[in-house]
Amino acid sequence: MLTRKYLIFGIVQGVGYRAFAQSVAQSLKLSGYVRNLPDGSVECVAQGSEEVLSRFYERLREGPPLARVSEIQVKDIAGEDLPFPFAIKR
């Protein structure tokens, strides 16, 4: 089981990105969370297999229709107890 942090940049706040990420993560049965950051980016932390996390990444690159993803930074991090099902943090 891997734990991965994704920092998503671009037009990703106010366009339904968190709800999109939550929906995708839940359909993939991932643990974790998504939240807006003060700098206008979105942070996702997800836990799952390499294969499923790769599929999650591809969907994060697409985003919802109104989003424009310009960059995603990905980092493997130490495992922690993540919420299941995948949640939106406020």
N, C-alpha and C. Protein backbone atom coordinates (compact mmCIF):
# COMPACT_ATOMS: atom_id res chain seq x y z
N MET A 1 0.85 -1.18 0.00
CA MET A 1 0.00 0.00 0.00
C MET A 1 0.89 1.24 0.00
N LEU A 2 0.68 2.12 -0.96
CA LEU A 2 1.44 3.36 -1.08
C LEU A 2 0.60 4.54 -0.63
N THR A 3 1.27 5.57 -0.13
CA THR A 3 0.62 6.83 0.19
C THR A 3 1.30 7.90 -0.65
N ARG A 4 0.50 8.65 -1.39
CA ARG A 4 1.03 9.61 -2.34
C ARG A 4 0.33 10.95 -2.18
N LYS A 5 1.13 12.03 -2.23
CA LYS A 5 0.58 13.40 -2.17
C LYS A 5 0.66 14.01 -3.55
N TYR A 6 -0.46 14.62 -3.96
CA TYR A 6 -0.54 15.31 -5.25
C TYR A 6 -0.85 16.78 -4.97
N LEU A 7 -0.03 17.68 -5.50
CA LEU A 7 -0.32 19.11 -5.45
C LEU A 7 -0.71 19.53 -6.86
N ILE A 8 -1.95 20.01 -7.00
CA ILE A 8 -2.49 20.32 -8.31
C ILE A 8 -2.57 21.84 -8.47
N PHE A 9 -2.01 22.33 -9.57
CA PHE A 9 -1.97 23.77 -9.85
C PHE A 9 -2.73 24.09 -11.12
N GLY A 10 -3.18 25.32 -11.22
CA GLY A 10 -3.94 25.79 -12.37
C GLY A 10 -5.24 26.40 -11.89
N ILE A 11 -6.26 26.31 -12.72
CA ILE A 11 -7.61 26.76 -12.32
C ILE A 11 -8.29 25.55 -11.71
N VAL A 12 -8.12 25.40 -10.38
CA VAL A 12 -8.59 24.20 -9.70
C VAL A 12 -9.42 24.49 -8.46
N GLN A 13 -9.65 25.75 -8.15
CA GLN A 13 -10.54 26.10 -7.04
C GLN A 13 -11.76 26.82 -7.60
N GLY A 14 -12.92 26.50 -7.02
CA GLY A 14 -14.17 27.12 -7.47
C GLY A 14 -14.73 26.52 -8.74
N VAL A 15 -14.21 25.34 -9.14
CA VAL A 15 -14.66 24.70 -10.38
C VAL A 15 -15.10 23.25 -10.15
N GLY A 16 -15.28 22.86 -8.90
CA GLY A 16 -15.73 21.51 -8.58
C GLY A 16 -14.62 20.47 -8.56
N TYR A 17 -13.38 20.92 -8.43
CA TYR A 17 -12.26 19.99 -8.49
C TYR A 17 -12.24 19.03 -7.30
N ARG A 18 -12.50 19.53 -6.09
CA ARG A 18 -12.48 18.65 -4.92
C ARG A 18 -13.55 17.57 -5.02
N ALA A 19 -14.75 17.94 -5.43
CA ALA A 19 -15.84 16.95 -5.57
C ALA A 19 -15.48 15.94 -6.66
N PHE A 20 -14.87 16.41 -7.74
CA PHE A 20 -14.42 15.51 -8.81
C PHE A 20 -13.40 14.52 -8.27
N ALA A 21 -12.38 15.01 -7.57
CA ALA A 21 -11.33 14.14 -7.03
C ALA A 21 -11.91 13.13 -6.04
N GLN A 22 -12.84 13.59 -5.22
CA GLN A 22 -13.49 12.69 -4.26
C GLN A 22 -14.26 11.59 -4.98
N SER A 23 -15.00 11.94 -5.99
CA SER A 23 -15.79 10.97 -6.74
C SER A 23 -14.89 9.93 -7.41
N VAL A 24 -13.82 10.38 -8.04
CA VAL A 24 -12.89 9.47 -8.70
C VAL A 24 -12.24 8.56 -7.67
N ALA A 25 -11.76 9.14 -6.58
CA ALA A 25 -11.08 8.35 -5.54
C ALA A 25 -12.02 7.30 -4.94
N GLN A 26 -13.26 7.69 -4.70
CA GLN A 26 -14.21 6.73 -4.13
C GLN A 26 -14.52 5.62 -5.13
N SER A 27 -14.61 5.94 -6.41
CA SER A 27 -14.87 4.90 -7.41
C SER A 27 -13.69 3.93 -7.51
N LEU A 28 -12.48 4.42 -7.19
CA LEU A 28 -11.29 3.57 -7.21
C LEU A 28 -11.02 2.92 -5.85
N LYS A 29 -11.88 3.21 -4.88
CA LYS A 29 -11.78 2.64 -3.52
C LYS A 29 -10.48 3.06 -2.81
N LEU A 30 -10.09 4.33 -3.00
CA LEU A 30 -8.92 4.87 -2.34
C LEU A 30 -9.27 5.47 -0.98
N SER A 31 -8.33 5.42 -0.07
CA SER A 31 -8.42 6.16 1.19
C SER A 31 -7.74 7.50 0.96
N GLY A 32 -8.12 8.52 1.75
CA GLY A 32 -7.42 9.78 1.66
C GLY A 32 -8.33 10.98 1.74
N TYR A 33 -7.81 12.10 1.26
CA TYR A 33 -8.57 13.35 1.32
C TYR A 33 -8.09 14.32 0.25
N VAL A 34 -8.90 15.33 0.03
CA VAL A 34 -8.58 16.42 -0.87
C VAL A 34 -8.96 17.72 -0.18
N ARG A 35 -8.16 18.76 -0.39
CA ARG A 35 -8.48 20.07 0.21
C ARG A 35 -7.87 21.19 -0.62
N ASN A 36 -8.50 22.37 -0.51
CA ASN A 36 -7.96 23.58 -1.12
C ASN A 36 -6.84 24.11 -0.24
N LEU A 37 -5.83 24.67 -0.86
CA LEU A 37 -4.74 25.32 -0.13
C LEU A 37 -4.83 26.83 -0.34
N PRO A 38 -4.31 27.60 0.61
CA PRO A 38 -4.42 29.07 0.53
C PRO A 38 -3.80 29.69 -0.73
N ASP A 39 -2.83 29.01 -1.35
CA ASP A 39 -2.18 29.59 -2.54
C ASP A 39 -2.97 29.36 -3.83
N GLY A 40 -4.17 28.75 -3.73
CA GLY A 40 -4.99 28.52 -4.91
C GLY A 40 -4.84 27.13 -5.52
N SER A 41 -3.94 26.33 -4.96
CA SER A 41 -3.76 24.96 -5.44
C SER A 41 -4.67 24.01 -4.65
N VAL A 42 -4.66 22.75 -5.06
CA VAL A 42 -5.42 21.71 -4.38
C VAL A 42 -4.45 20.60 -3.98
N GLU A 43 -4.62 20.09 -2.77
CA GLU A 43 -3.80 18.98 -2.28
C GLU A 43 -4.67 17.73 -2.18
N CYS A 44 -4.17 16.62 -2.73
CA CYS A 44 -4.80 15.31 -2.56
C CYS A 44 -3.77 14.40 -1.91
N VAL A 45 -4.20 13.65 -0.93
CA VAL A 45 -3.37 12.60 -0.36
C VAL A 45 -4.18 11.32 -0.48
N ALA A 46 -3.60 10.32 -1.15
CA ALA A 46 -4.33 9.09 -1.44
C ALA A 46 -3.49 7.88 -1.11
N GLN A 47 -4.19 6.81 -0.73
CA GLN A 47 -3.53 5.56 -0.38
C GLN A 47 -4.13 4.43 -1.18
N GLY A 48 -3.26 3.63 -1.81
CA GLY A 48 -3.73 2.50 -2.60
C GLY A 48 -2.56 1.82 -3.28
N SER A 49 -2.86 0.96 -4.23
CA SER A 49 -1.82 0.25 -4.98
C SER A 49 -1.23 1.17 -6.05
N GLU A 50 -0.05 0.82 -6.54
CA GLU A 50 0.60 1.60 -7.60
C GLU A 50 -0.31 1.74 -8.81
N GLU A 51 -0.93 0.64 -9.21
CA GLU A 51 -1.80 0.65 -10.39
C GLU A 51 -2.98 1.60 -10.22
N VAL A 52 -3.63 1.54 -9.08
CA VAL A 52 -4.80 2.39 -8.84
C VAL A 52 -4.39 3.85 -8.70
N LEU A 53 -3.27 4.11 -8.02
CA LEU A 53 -2.80 5.49 -7.88
C LEU A 53 -2.40 6.08 -9.23
N SER A 54 -1.90 5.26 -10.13
CA SER A 54 -1.58 5.74 -11.48
C SER A 54 -2.85 6.13 -12.23
N ARG A 55 -3.89 5.33 -12.09
CA ARG A 55 -5.17 5.67 -12.73
C ARG A 55 -5.75 6.94 -12.11
N PHE A 56 -5.61 7.10 -10.80
CA PHE A 56 -6.08 8.31 -10.11
C PHE A 56 -5.35 9.54 -10.66
N TYR A 57 -4.03 9.43 -10.81
CA TYR A 57 -3.24 10.54 -11.34
C TYR A 57 -3.74 10.97 -12.73
N GLU A 58 -4.00 10.01 -13.59
CA GLU A 58 -4.48 10.33 -14.93
C GLU A 58 -5.80 11.10 -14.88
N ARG A 59 -6.68 10.70 -13.99
CA ARG A 59 -7.96 11.41 -13.85
C ARG A 59 -7.76 12.80 -13.25
N LEU A 60 -6.82 12.94 -12.30
CA LEU A 60 -6.53 14.26 -11.73
C LEU A 60 -6.02 15.20 -12.81
N ARG A 61 -5.25 14.70 -13.77
CA ARG A 61 -4.75 15.54 -14.87
C ARG A 61 -5.90 16.06 -15.70
N GLU A 62 -6.94 15.25 -15.90
CA GLU A 62 -8.10 15.67 -16.68
C GLU A 62 -8.89 16.73 -15.92
N GLY A 63 -9.24 16.43 -14.69
CA GLY A 63 -10.06 17.32 -13.87
C GLY A 63 -11.48 17.43 -14.40
N PRO A 64 -12.32 18.17 -13.70
CA PRO A 64 -13.69 18.40 -14.16
C PRO A 64 -13.70 19.39 -15.33
N PRO A 65 -14.83 19.52 -16.02
CA PRO A 65 -14.88 20.34 -17.23
C PRO A 65 -14.40 21.79 -17.09
N LEU A 66 -14.66 22.45 -15.98
CA LEU A 66 -14.27 23.86 -15.84
C LEU A 66 -12.84 24.07 -15.35
N ALA A 67 -12.18 23.00 -14.90
CA ALA A 67 -10.81 23.11 -14.39
C ALA A 67 -9.81 23.14 -15.54
N ARG A 68 -8.68 23.76 -15.26
CA ARG A 68 -7.55 23.77 -16.18
C ARG A 68 -6.31 23.42 -15.35
N VAL A 69 -5.88 22.18 -15.42
CA VAL A 69 -4.73 21.73 -14.65
C VAL A 69 -3.46 22.08 -15.42
N SER A 70 -2.57 22.85 -14.78
CA SER A 70 -1.32 23.23 -15.45
C SER A 70 -0.15 22.38 -14.98
N GLU A 71 -0.23 21.86 -13.75
CA GLU A 71 0.88 21.08 -13.21
C GLU A 71 0.39 20.24 -12.05
N ILE A 72 0.97 19.05 -11.91
CA ILE A 72 0.75 18.23 -10.72
C ILE A 72 2.11 17.78 -10.21
N GLN A 73 2.39 18.09 -8.96
CA GLN A 73 3.59 17.61 -8.30
C GLN A 73 3.20 16.37 -7.49
N VAL A 74 3.97 15.31 -7.61
CA VAL A 74 3.66 14.04 -6.96
C VAL A 74 4.82 13.65 -6.06
N LYS A 75 4.46 13.20 -4.85
CA LYS A 75 5.49 12.80 -3.90
C LYS A 75 4.97 11.62 -3.08
N ASP A 76 5.77 10.56 -2.98
CA ASP A 76 5.43 9.46 -2.08
C ASP A 76 5.76 9.92 -0.66
N ILE A 77 4.86 9.63 0.26
CA ILE A 77 5.06 10.04 1.65
C ILE A 77 4.88 8.83 2.57
N ALA A 78 5.28 8.99 3.81
CA ALA A 78 5.12 7.93 4.80
C ALA A 78 3.64 7.67 5.02
N GLY A 79 3.29 6.41 5.18
CA GLY A 79 1.90 6.04 5.40
C GLY A 79 1.36 6.63 6.69
N GLU A 80 0.10 6.90 6.69
CA GLU A 80 -0.60 7.40 7.86
C GLU A 80 -2.02 6.87 7.78
N ASP A 81 -2.76 7.00 8.85
CA ASP A 81 -4.16 6.57 8.82
C ASP A 81 -4.97 7.61 8.04
N LEU A 82 -5.43 7.22 6.88
CA LEU A 82 -6.20 8.12 6.04
C LEU A 82 -7.67 7.73 6.08
N PRO A 83 -8.56 8.73 5.95
CA PRO A 83 -9.99 8.43 6.02
C PRO A 83 -10.46 7.58 4.85
N PHE A 84 -11.36 6.66 5.15
CA PHE A 84 -12.03 5.87 4.12
C PHE A 84 -13.52 5.94 4.45
N PRO A 85 -14.37 6.29 3.51
CA PRO A 85 -14.03 6.63 2.13
C PRO A 85 -13.32 7.98 2.03
N PHE A 86 -12.70 8.18 0.89
CA PHE A 86 -11.97 9.41 0.55
C PHE A 86 -12.85 10.62 0.86
N ALA A 87 -12.30 11.64 1.51
CA ALA A 87 -13.09 12.75 2.02
C ALA A 87 -12.59 14.10 1.51
N ILE A 88 -13.49 15.08 1.55
CA ILE A 88 -13.12 16.47 1.30
C ILE A 88 -12.86 17.11 2.65
N LYS A 89 -11.65 17.69 2.80
CA LYS A 89 -11.32 18.44 4.02
C LYS A 89 -11.60 19.90 3.76
N ARG A 90 -12.14 20.57 4.72
CA ARG A 90 -12.40 22.01 4.58
C ARG A 90 -11.46 22.80 5.43
